[in-house]
Protein backbone atom coordinates (compact mmCIF):
# COMPACT_ATOMS: atom_id res chain seq x y z
CA LEU A 1 6.67 4.11 8.45
CA LEU A 2 8.17 1.82 10.25
CA THR A 3 4.68 -0.15 10.37
CA TYR A 4 3.73 0.00 6.71
CA SER A 5 7.27 -1.27 6.07
CA GLN A 6 6.61 -4.77 8.56
CA ALA A 7 3.57 -5.06 6.85
CA ALA A 8 5.31 -5.57 3.19
CA ILE A 9 8.27 -7.52 4.27
CA ILE A 10 5.99 -9.94 6.62
CA ALA A 11 3.52 -9.88 3.22
CA ALA A 12 6.72 -10.87 0.89
CA ILE A 13 8.06 -13.72 3.29
CA PHE A 14 5.07 -15.26 4.27
CA GLY A 15 2.93 -14.52 0.83
CA ASP A 16 3.73 -17.18 -1.02
CA LYS A 17 3.59 -19.78 1.76
CA VAL A 18 0.13 -19.25 2.74
CA ALA A 19 -1.26 -19.25 -1.20
CA SER A 20 -3.73 -22.15 -2.20
CA GLU A 21 -6.22 -22.02 -4.43
CA LYS A 22 -8.93 -20.84 -2.06
CA PHE A 23 -6.93 -18.05 -0.48
CA ASN A 24 -3.70 -15.72 -1.21
CA LEU A 25 -2.34 -12.28 0.39
CA SER A 26 -1.96 -9.38 -1.94
CA MET A 27 0.38 -5.98 -1.75
CA GLU A 28 -1.84 -3.25 -2.26
CA ILE A 29 -1.09 0.41 -3.56
CA GLY A 30 -3.24 2.91 -4.67
CA VAL A 31 -3.48 6.68 -6.06
CA PRO A 32 -6.25 8.78 -5.18
CA LEU A 33 -7.89 11.73 -6.29
CA THR A 34 -9.98 12.79 -3.79
CA ASN A 35 -12.42 15.76 -3.88
CA TYR A 36 -15.05 17.29 -1.05
CA SER A 37 -18.35 18.68 -0.99
CA ASN A 38 -19.46 22.25 -0.08
CA ILE A 39 -15.73 23.37 0.14
CA GLU A 40 -15.13 26.66 -1.88
CA GLY A 41 -11.92 27.06 -3.58
CA ASN A 42 -11.17 23.23 -2.96
CA LYS A 43 -8.41 21.81 -5.10
CA PRO A 44 -7.39 18.05 -4.75
CA ASN A 45 -4.16 16.45 -4.58
CA LEU A 46 -2.86 13.27 -4.87
CA GLY A 47 -2.29 10.56 -1.94
CA PHE A 48 -1.30 7.48 -1.63
CA ASN A 49 -2.55 4.13 -0.13
CA PHE A 50 -0.32 1.17 1.06
CA GLY A 51 -1.84 -2.00 2.32
CA ILE A 52 -2.54 -5.94 2.78
CA ALA A 53 -5.61 -7.60 0.92
CA GLY A 54 -6.78 -11.22 1.88
CA ASN A 55 -8.49 -12.84 -1.13
CA ILE A 56 -10.81 -15.76 -0.82
CA LYS A 57 -12.13 -17.60 -3.50
CA ILE A 58 -15.61 -18.57 -3.80
CA ASN A 59 -15.74 -20.08 -7.12
CA ASP A 60 -14.59 -19.37 -10.90
CA SER A 61 -16.86 -16.08 -10.36
CA TRP A 62 -16.92 -14.90 -7.02
CA SER A 63 -14.33 -13.85 -4.67
CA VAL A 64 -14.37 -11.87 -1.33
CA SER A 65 -11.21 -9.37 -0.61
CA PRO A 66 -11.02 -8.03 3.15
CA THR A 67 -8.50 -5.05 2.93
CA ALA A 68 -7.08 -3.20 5.19
CA TYR A 69 -5.01 -0.08 3.72
CA PHE A 70 -2.16 0.86 7.20
CA LEU A 71 -1.17 3.92 4.75
CA ALA A 72 -4.25 6.38 3.72
CA LYS A 73 -3.16 9.88 2.95
CA ARG A 74 -5.95 12.82 1.53
CA SER A 75 -4.97 15.96 0.52
CA PHE A 76 -6.56 18.99 -0.72
CA ASP A 77 -5.67 22.55 -1.32
CA ILE A 78 -7.81 25.29 -0.03
CA LYS A 79 -7.66 28.99 -1.98
CA ASN A 80 -8.39 31.10 1.27
CA PHE A 81 -8.46 29.62 4.33
CA SER A 82 -7.56 31.28 8.68
CA LEU A 83 -5.29 29.92 10.77
CA GLU A 84 -7.24 29.41 14.27
CA SER A 85 -4.89 29.76 17.35
CA PRO A 86 -4.88 31.27 20.83
CA ASP A 87 -1.98 33.58 19.25
CA ALA A 88 -4.34 36.85 17.87
CA HIS A 89 -0.92 38.13 15.80
CA LEU A 90 -0.80 34.78 14.37
CA ASN A 91 -3.80 34.50 13.67
CA GLU A 92 -3.65 38.05 11.15
CA LEU A 93 -0.73 36.58 9.72
CA TYR A 94 -2.01 33.77 8.39
CA ASN A 95 -5.91 35.12 8.05
CA ASN A 96 -7.40 33.83 4.14
CA VAL A 97 -4.54 32.43 3.19
CA PRO A 98 -3.55 29.11 0.85
CA THR A 99 -3.75 25.99 2.75
CA THR A 100 -3.05 22.64 2.31
CA ILE A 101 -5.08 19.77 4.47
CA GLU A 102 -3.65 16.27 4.43
CA LEU A 103 -6.31 13.53 6.08
CA ASN A 104 -4.44 10.14 7.01
CA TYR A 105 -6.13 6.83 7.99
CA ILE A 106 -6.65 3.56 8.20
CA GLN A 107 -8.92 2.38 5.76
CA ILE A 108 -11.02 -1.26 6.05
CA PRO A 109 -12.76 -2.04 2.57
CA ILE A 110 -14.27 -5.74 1.92
CA PHE A 111 -14.05 -6.34 -1.78
CA ILE A 112 -17.32 -8.14 -3.15
CA ASN A 113 -15.83 -8.91 -6.79
CA TYR A 114 -17.08 -10.86 -9.55
CA LYS A 115 -14.83 -12.47 -12.76
CA ILE A 116 -16.51 -11.60 -15.90
CA PRO A 117 -16.93 -15.09 -17.95
CA ASN A 118 -13.94 -15.44 -20.68
CA SER A 119 -12.41 -12.22 -19.79
CA LYS A 120 -9.86 -10.61 -17.83
CA PHE A 121 -11.63 -8.20 -15.98
CA ARG A 122 -13.20 -8.10 -13.01
CA ILE A 123 -15.73 -5.88 -11.28
CA GLY A 124 -16.71 -5.45 -7.50
CA LEU A 125 -18.32 -3.19 -4.82
CA ALA A 126 -16.76 -2.35 -1.20
CA PRO A 127 -18.38 -1.00 1.94
CA GLN A 128 -15.40 1.04 3.27
CA VAL A 129 -14.63 2.57 7.15
CA SER A 130 -11.74 4.41 7.62
CA PHE A 131 -10.32 5.70 10.79
CA LYS A 132 -8.98 9.22 11.68
CA GLN A 133 -4.93 8.94 12.53
CA ASN A 134 -3.84 12.59 12.31
CA VAL A 135 -4.92 15.94 10.12
CA ASP A 136 -2.59 18.50 9.74
CA ALA A 137 -2.43 21.65 8.19
CA THR A 138 -0.27 23.47 6.58
CA PHE A 139 -1.18 27.74 6.04
CA SER A 140 1.05 29.42 3.50
CA SER A 141 1.98 33.27 3.63
CA GLU A 142 4.89 35.65 2.41
CA ILE A 143 6.56 35.09 5.72
CA GLY A 144 6.41 31.68 5.04
CA GLU A 145 4.48 28.00 6.16
CA PHE A 146 3.00 27.32 9.56
CA GLU A 147 1.71 23.83 10.35
CA GLN A 148 -0.99 23.18 12.60
CA ALA A 149 -2.75 19.59 13.55
CA VAL A 150 -6.04 19.83 13.20
CA GLY A 151 -7.33 16.12 13.87
CA ILE A 152 -9.71 17.33 16.74
CA ARG A 153 -11.61 19.06 14.48
CA VAL A 154 -12.18 15.97 11.96
CA ASN A 155 -14.24 12.97 13.16
CA ASN A 156 -13.06 10.12 13.88
CA ILE A 157 -14.59 7.84 11.11
CA ASP A 158 -15.67 7.92 7.84
CA TYR A 159 -18.62 6.02 5.95
CA GLY A 160 -17.87 4.73 2.28
CA LEU A 161 -18.73 2.44 -0.85
CA ILE A 162 -16.16 1.81 -3.45
CA ALA A 163 -17.24 0.60 -7.09
CA ASN A 164 -14.22 -1.16 -8.53
CA LEU A 165 -13.57 -2.30 -12.26
CA SER A 166 -9.83 -4.06 -12.26
CA TYR A 167 -7.78 -6.03 -15.20
CA TYR A 168 -5.64 -8.75 -14.74
CA LEU A 169 -2.29 -8.71 -16.53
CA GLN A 170 -1.50 -12.16 -16.12
CA TYR A 171 2.00 -12.58 -18.05
CA LYS A 172 3.65 -10.18 -15.51
CA ARG A 173 5.87 -10.69 -12.49
CA ASN A 174 6.87 -14.51 -13.80
CA GLY A 175 3.26 -15.31 -14.62
CA LYS A 176 1.97 -14.25 -10.98
CA GLY A 177 0.39 -11.43 -12.53
CA LEU A 178 -1.28 -8.53 -10.84
CA TYR A 179 -4.28 -6.73 -11.52
CA VAL A 180 -4.79 -2.85 -12.35
CA SER A 181 -7.55 -1.08 -11.27
CA LEU A 182 -9.91 2.24 -11.34
CA ARG A 183 -11.77 2.61 -8.50
CA TYR A 184 -14.45 5.49 -7.49
CA ASN A 185 -15.57 6.15 -3.90
CA GLN A 186 -18.68 7.91 -2.39
CA GLY A 187 -18.21 8.91 0.93
CA PHE A 188 -21.64 9.17 3.26
CA THR A 189 -20.24 10.95 6.31
CA ASP A 190 -19.50 14.42 7.29
CA VAL A 191 -16.11 14.22 7.00
CA PHE A 192 -14.50 17.67 9.12
CA LYS A 193 -16.92 18.83 12.29
CA ASP A 194 -18.35 22.55 11.55
CA SER A 195 -16.32 24.20 14.24
CA PHE A 196 -13.75 23.60 11.40
CA ILE A 197 -15.36 23.90 7.76
CA GLU A 198 -19.26 24.56 7.79
CA GLY A 199 -21.64 22.15 5.89
CA THR A 200 -21.77 18.50 4.94
CA ASN A 201 -18.63 17.95 3.41
CA ARG A 202 -18.31 14.13 2.09
CA ASN A 203 -15.48 12.55 -0.08
CA HIS A 204 -15.60 10.91 -3.09
CA TYR A 205 -12.45 10.42 -5.05
CA LEU A 206 -11.38 8.60 -7.87
CA SER A 207 -8.55 5.99 -7.73
CA PHE A 208 -5.64 3.78 -9.38
CA ASN A 209 -4.84 0.64 -8.03
CA ILE A 210 -2.35 -1.86 -8.32
CA SER A 211 -2.63 -5.50 -6.61
CA LEU A 212 0.45 -7.48 -6.55
CA PRO A 213 -0.73 -11.13 -5.69
CA PHE A 214 1.91 -13.98 -3.88
CA LEU A 215 0.94 -17.08 -5.75
CA THR A 216 3.38 -19.85 -5.62
CA ASP A 217 4.63 -21.14 -8.57
CA GLU A 218 1.79 -23.97 -9.55
CA LEU A 219 -0.91 -21.66 -9.10
CA ALA A 220 0.48 -19.29 -11.23
CA GLN A 221 1.13 -21.09 -13.95
CA LYS A 222 -2.33 -22.86 -13.30
CA ASN A 223 -3.27 -18.93 -13.99
CA LEU A 224 -1.53 -18.86 -16.92
CA ASN A 225 -2.64 -22.03 -18.23
CA THR A 226 -6.39 -21.23 -17.37
CA GLN A 227 -6.75 -17.30 -18.24
CA PRO A 228 -7.82 -16.38 -21.49
CA LYS A 229 -4.92 -15.73 -23.75
CA PRO A 230 -3.83 -11.95 -24.66
């Protein structure tokens, strides 16, 4: 949590100072709803993404946004799942019980954005690589909950592709604006090892995101003057 807070503070302090017509930083916040293929009884939970993006303007239509989500939580429930531990009695107590699995990643998408002419919409695609941090399974029974770290049963890297649709709210934040986005991610790799969950378990998620660009007052005013009126 300290690392995420430090990143936010650094971006807030230096974001406006490094902003130019061709480059700016933005704070990125997202809420994904992730599902996985070939997992019976899989029910997705809301996750949370937080990170920083560097936005590079190529021309009036095209831009590139390398992004780092330092915090990327994905979570889902399984109706019937069983604990596997060295303790046979404990395994019996948590056999075929409701279970929540939470996965934590660092995600690195690189967005290629296209601004639709004479509008406040932009569309984009991003290849994404996700690096596993830690994974926990919480088993629930009549006697209470039992949490087990299961990171060794999850593959280290997950690859995917994101499709993005954004709308620019230009009059927010004293003219500095913000982007609201709807994203769909499709994973291409097996997330879980067969010793944990059998089959090919690719993730896919729908996400609502907010991007808060750091701009100087001059650039913010220029955006207000050049964007289409609402």
